[in-house]
Amino acid sequence: MPKYIKLTETRSTNTYLKRMAGLLPGGTVIYTYRQTAGRGQKGNSWESEDGKNLSFSMLLKRPCIEVKQQFYISEGVALAVAQMLSQHTSGIKIKWPNDVYYHDSKMCGILIENSLGAHGGIDYSVAGVGININQEHFKSDAPNPISLRNVTGRDHDLEQLLHDVCERIERLCDFSQATPATLKALHESFLGMLYRNDGQLHDWELPDGTQFQAKITGVAPDGMLSLERADGTAASYAFKQVKHVINQVTL
């Protein structure tokens, strides 16, 4: 079972847990209801109103997965969040690589940071998760934020949701008995909840601003996204090499 440590306040649960990783057992969860400098992918910030949302990081030690397969960790964490939220509302999807969305609005951001050991494998992973739960209004210019309360119209018990999602993460990211069949099942579950993985053409954008239409044809174990354009041409992309084009949503 996860082991929980609550902080009154911290700049970033990921930063705190990485600093303490050598002293703490696997399964440790650092959480706070006041995170003052939460981090997202590629240095992006994460807005979270005090006492309203879940901000936590979970330590996964020696996750028993090869470095080239590390995206399975991301899949497991994203699936755990998506499955937990799906207990409270429909319309939950995982937007590649690991954001969790309610239709076209972002409800959760995830930051996975892996540390490699001298043995050449993953020594530990820190899974940082921020989930919008009871916040009603968002002040930042982040695109299309939404909370579980915005969707359901009621507040939710933060501690209960924290325990639910962390137990799911621990279970889905336990690769100690992993086989090709269990990894395939995890990957297929991820693909089944993947945002816009519906065989239809959707709008995408390259870093230079070029937009095109393509459908998702797969995600590789290393996280590379495969897209096929209307003319049949196909290509694979790493994170930040392509992004969804999503219209602004007004709550």
Protein backbone atom coordinates (compact mmCIF):
# COMPACT_ATOMS: atom_id res chain seq x y z
CA MET A 1 0.00 0.00 0.00
CA PRO A 2 1.19 3.56 -0.65
CA LYS A 3 2.73 5.49 2.23
CA TYR A 4 1.50 9.08 2.51
CA ILE A 5 3.39 12.16 3.69
CA LYS A 6 1.43 15.41 3.76
CA LEU A 7 3.26 18.72 3.49
CA THR A 8 1.64 21.94 4.64
CA GLU A 9 3.22 23.70 1.68
CA THR A 10 5.90 23.06 -0.92
CA ARG A 11 7.07 24.60 -4.16
CA SER A 12 6.89 21.31 -6.04
CA THR A 13 6.11 17.81 -4.80
CA ASN A 14 8.29 16.36 -7.58
CA THR A 15 11.28 18.47 -6.57
CA TYR A 16 10.80 17.55 -2.90
CA LEU A 17 10.45 13.83 -3.59
CA LYS A 18 13.44 13.69 -5.94
CA ARG A 19 15.58 15.28 -3.24
CA MET A 20 14.43 12.69 -0.68
CA ALA A 21 14.18 9.66 -2.98
CA GLY A 22 17.25 7.91 -1.58
CA LEU A 23 15.84 7.98 1.95
CA LEU A 24 12.26 6.92 1.25
CA PRO A 25 10.75 3.54 0.34
CA GLY A 26 9.02 2.85 -2.94
CA GLY A 27 5.35 3.70 -2.85
CA THR A 28 5.88 6.90 -0.87
CA VAL A 29 3.43 9.66 -1.82
CA ILE A 30 4.25 13.30 -1.09
CA TYR A 31 1.17 15.50 -1.28
CA THR A 32 0.08 18.99 -0.40
CA TYR A 33 -2.94 21.22 -0.77
CA ARG A 34 -0.70 24.26 -1.25
CA GLN A 35 1.85 23.88 -4.04
CA THR A 36 3.44 27.21 -4.90
CA ALA A 37 5.48 26.33 -7.99
CA GLY A 38 4.06 23.20 -9.55
CA ARG A 39 5.81 22.03 -12.69
CA GLY A 40 4.45 20.53 -15.87
CA GLN A 41 6.08 19.11 -18.99
CA LYS A 42 9.05 21.04 -20.39
CA GLY A 43 9.05 23.56 -17.51
CA ASN A 44 5.42 24.67 -17.86
CA SER A 45 3.72 25.82 -14.66
CA TRP A 46 0.63 24.26 -13.10
CA GLU A 47 -2.12 26.40 -11.55
CA SER A 48 -3.75 25.00 -8.40
CA GLU A 49 -5.93 26.92 -5.96
CA ASP A 50 -5.05 26.26 -2.30
CA GLY A 51 -7.06 23.46 -0.71
CA LYS A 52 -9.04 22.66 -3.84
CA ASN A 53 -7.07 20.15 -5.89
CA LEU A 54 -4.77 17.15 -5.77
CA SER A 55 -1.05 17.83 -6.11
CA PHE A 56 1.12 14.82 -5.36
CA SER A 57 4.14 12.81 -6.41
CA MET A 58 4.64 9.08 -6.02
CA LEU A 59 7.97 7.29 -5.79
CA LEU A 60 8.33 4.13 -7.89
CA LYS A 61 11.63 2.42 -7.04
CA ARG A 62 13.28 -0.03 -9.42
CA PRO A 63 10.10 -0.24 -11.51
CA CYS A 64 11.38 -3.44 -13.25
CA ILE A 65 11.00 -1.97 -16.71
CA GLU A 66 13.68 -1.39 -19.34
CA VAL A 67 14.70 2.15 -20.14
CA LYS A 68 13.44 1.76 -23.72
CA GLN A 69 10.05 0.74 -22.29
CA GLN A 70 9.72 3.60 -19.81
CA PHE A 71 6.59 4.94 -21.52
CA TYR A 72 4.69 2.07 -19.88
CA ILE A 73 5.13 3.96 -16.60
CA SER A 74 3.52 7.02 -18.15
CA GLU A 75 0.71 4.87 -19.52
CA GLY A 76 0.08 3.28 -16.12
CA VAL A 77 -0.06 6.59 -14.28
CA ALA A 78 -2.33 8.21 -16.88
CA LEU A 79 -4.63 5.19 -16.89
CA ALA A 80 -4.85 5.23 -13.09
CA VAL A 81 -5.97 8.87 -13.13
CA ALA A 82 -8.38 8.33 -16.03
CA GLN A 83 -9.94 5.28 -14.40
CA MET A 84 -10.37 7.08 -11.08
CA LEU A 85 -12.02 10.10 -12.71
CA SER A 86 -14.22 7.84 -14.83
CA GLN A 87 -15.81 6.63 -11.59
CA HIS A 88 -17.32 10.11 -11.25
CA THR A 89 -18.09 11.20 -14.82
CA SER A 90 -18.06 10.01 -18.41
CA GLY A 91 -16.07 11.69 -21.17
CA ILE A 92 -12.60 11.12 -19.66
CA LYS A 93 -9.76 10.54 -22.13
CA ILE A 94 -5.94 10.52 -22.14
CA LYS A 95 -4.45 13.11 -24.48
CA TRP A 96 -1.07 11.96 -25.79
CA PRO A 97 1.34 11.69 -24.17
CA ASN A 98 -0.29 11.70 -20.73
CA ASP A 99 -2.64 14.61 -20.00
CA VAL A 100 -6.09 13.58 -18.84
CA TYR A 101 -8.99 15.40 -20.50
CA TYR A 102 -12.72 15.74 -20.07
CA HIS A 103 -13.84 16.03 -23.70
CA ASP A 104 -11.72 18.97 -24.99
CA SER A 105 -10.73 20.38 -21.57
CA LYS A 106 -7.72 19.52 -19.41
CA MET A 107 -8.41 18.07 -15.97
CA CYS A 108 -5.01 16.59 -15.12
CA GLY A 109 -1.35 17.09 -15.92
CA ILE A 110 1.32 14.45 -15.32
CA LEU A 111 5.11 14.76 -15.14
CA ILE A 112 7.17 11.55 -15.03
CA GLU A 113 10.85 11.95 -14.13
CA ASN A 114 13.11 8.90 -14.30
CA SER A 115 16.51 8.49 -12.67
CA LEU A 116 18.92 5.98 -14.19
CA GLY A 117 21.11 3.88 -11.91
CA ALA A 118 24.63 2.56 -12.31
CA HIS A 119 23.16 -0.74 -13.48
CA GLY A 120 21.91 1.02 -16.63
CA GLY A 121 18.27 0.59 -15.73
CA ILE A 122 15.74 2.89 -14.07
CA ASP A 123 16.71 3.41 -10.44
CA TYR A 124 13.47 5.19 -9.60
CA SER A 125 10.64 7.14 -11.16
CA VAL A 126 8.85 10.11 -9.66
CA ALA A 127 5.30 10.41 -10.95
CA GLY A 128 4.03 13.94 -10.39
CA VAL A 129 0.29 14.44 -10.77
CA GLY A 130 -1.92 17.52 -10.60
CA ILE A 131 -5.68 16.96 -10.84
CA ASN A 132 -8.26 19.75 -10.86
CA ILE A 133 -10.89 18.58 -8.39
CA ASN A 134 -12.84 21.31 -6.56
CA GLN A 135 -11.50 24.51 -8.15
CA GLU A 136 -14.28 26.51 -9.83
CA HIS A 137 -12.41 29.33 -11.58
CA PHE A 138 -9.03 29.37 -13.35
CA LYS A 139 -6.97 32.54 -13.73
CA SER A 140 -4.03 31.41 -15.86
CA ASP A 141 -3.95 31.41 -19.64
CA ALA A 142 -3.62 27.62 -19.75
CA PRO A 143 -5.80 26.23 -22.55
CA ASN A 144 -9.20 24.86 -21.53
CA PRO A 145 -8.71 23.97 -17.83
CA ILE A 146 -11.60 22.22 -16.10
CA SER A 147 -12.20 20.57 -12.74
CA LEU A 148 -14.22 17.59 -11.60
CA ARG A 149 -16.48 20.03 -9.75
CA ASN A 150 -17.08 22.02 -12.93
CA VAL A 151 -18.38 18.80 -14.48
CA THR A 152 -20.33 17.25 -11.60
CA GLY A 153 -21.51 20.40 -9.82
CA ARG A 154 -20.37 19.22 -6.40
CA ASP A 155 -17.27 19.04 -4.22
CA HIS A 156 -15.33 15.80 -3.82
CA ASP A 157 -13.36 14.34 -0.90
CA LEU A 158 -9.70 15.00 -1.74
CA GLU A 159 -8.25 12.39 0.61
CA GLN A 160 -10.53 9.68 -0.72
CA LEU A 161 -9.65 10.46 -4.34
CA LEU A 162 -5.94 10.62 -3.47
CA HIS A 163 -5.97 7.14 -1.95
CA ASP A 164 -8.02 5.78 -4.85
CA VAL A 165 -5.70 7.06 -7.56
CA CYS A 166 -2.46 6.19 -5.75
CA GLU A 167 -3.56 2.62 -5.17
CA ARG A 168 -4.37 2.38 -8.87
CA ILE A 169 -0.95 3.79 -9.81
CA GLU A 170 0.82 1.30 -7.55
CA ARG A 171 -1.12 -1.58 -9.08
CA LEU A 172 -0.78 -0.54 -12.73
CA CYS A 173 2.91 0.34 -12.40
CA ASP A 174 3.91 -2.88 -10.65
CA PHE A 175 5.99 -4.49 -13.38
CA SER A 176 7.69 -7.04 -11.11
CA GLN A 177 5.67 -9.86 -12.72
CA ALA A 178 5.27 -8.22 -16.12
CA THR A 179 5.05 -10.39 -19.21
CA PRO A 180 4.64 -9.44 -22.87
CA ALA A 181 0.93 -10.25 -22.46
CA THR A 182 0.41 -7.98 -19.44
CA LEU A 183 2.34 -5.13 -21.06
CA LYS A 184 0.24 -5.54 -24.20
CA ALA A 185 -2.93 -5.42 -22.11
CA LEU A 186 -1.77 -2.20 -20.40
CA HIS A 187 -0.93 -0.63 -23.76
CA GLU A 188 -4.26 -1.61 -25.27
CA SER A 189 -6.10 -0.12 -22.28
CA PHE A 190 -4.13 3.10 -22.83
CA LEU A 191 -5.00 3.15 -26.53
CA GLY A 192 -8.63 2.48 -25.68
CA MET A 193 -8.78 5.68 -23.64
CA LEU A 194 -6.61 7.77 -25.98
CA TYR A 195 -8.11 11.13 -26.94
CA ARG A 196 -9.18 11.28 -30.60
CA ASN A 197 -8.05 7.72 -31.27
CA ASP A 198 -11.22 7.12 -33.23
CA GLY A 199 -9.96 6.44 -36.76
CA GLN A 200 -11.02 9.93 -37.85
CA LEU A 201 -8.94 12.81 -39.22
CA HIS A 202 -8.18 15.56 -36.70
CA ASP A 203 -6.20 18.79 -36.78
CA TRP A 204 -2.52 18.76 -35.77
CA GLU A 205 0.20 21.40 -35.67
CA LEU A 206 3.98 21.26 -36.09
CA PRO A 207 6.39 23.50 -34.13
CA ASP A 208 6.68 25.88 -37.11
CA GLY A 209 2.93 26.46 -37.08
CA THR A 210 2.11 24.23 -40.05
CA GLN A 211 -1.24 22.53 -39.58
CA PHE A 212 -2.47 19.31 -41.16
CA GLN A 213 -5.10 16.64 -40.71
CA ALA A 214 -4.25 13.08 -39.71
CA LYS A 215 -5.55 10.13 -37.76
CA ILE A 216 -3.79 8.30 -34.93
CA THR A 217 -2.52 4.88 -36.00
CA GLY A 218 -0.55 3.92 -32.90
CA VAL A 219 1.78 4.75 -30.03
CA ALA A 220 5.12 2.93 -29.69
CA PRO A 221 6.52 1.58 -26.39
CA ASP A 222 8.89 4.55 -26.32
CA GLY A 223 5.94 6.96 -26.59
CA MET A 224 6.36 7.91 -30.26
CA LEU A 225 3.00 8.83 -31.82
CA SER A 226 2.18 7.52 -35.31
CA LEU A 227 -0.08 9.59 -37.55
CA GLU A 228 -1.44 8.99 -41.03
CA ARG A 229 -2.51 11.90 -43.22
CA ALA A 230 -5.48 11.92 -45.58
CA ASP A 231 -3.21 11.12 -48.55
CA GLY A 232 -1.89 8.00 -46.80
CA THR A 233 1.53 9.38 -45.84
CA ALA A 234 2.60 8.36 -42.33
CA ALA A 235 5.11 9.65 -39.80
CA SER A 236 6.01 9.24 -36.14
CA TYR A 237 6.53 12.06 -33.67
CA ALA A 238 8.09 12.52 -30.25
CA PHE A 239 6.56 14.76 -27.60
CA LYS A 240 6.64 18.45 -28.61
CA GLN A 241 7.20 17.55 -32.27
CA VAL A 242 3.47 17.71 -32.91
CA LYS A 243 0.41 18.77 -30.95
CA HIS A 244 -3.35 18.59 -31.14
CA VAL A 245 -5.22 21.65 -32.39
CA ILE A 246 -8.06 22.14 -29.90
CA ASN A 247 -10.63 24.92 -30.05
CA GLN A 248 -11.07 27.16 -27.03
CA VAL A 249 -13.78 25.93 -24.67
CA THR A 250 -15.84 28.39 -22.61
CA LEU A 251 -17.28 27.09 -19.36
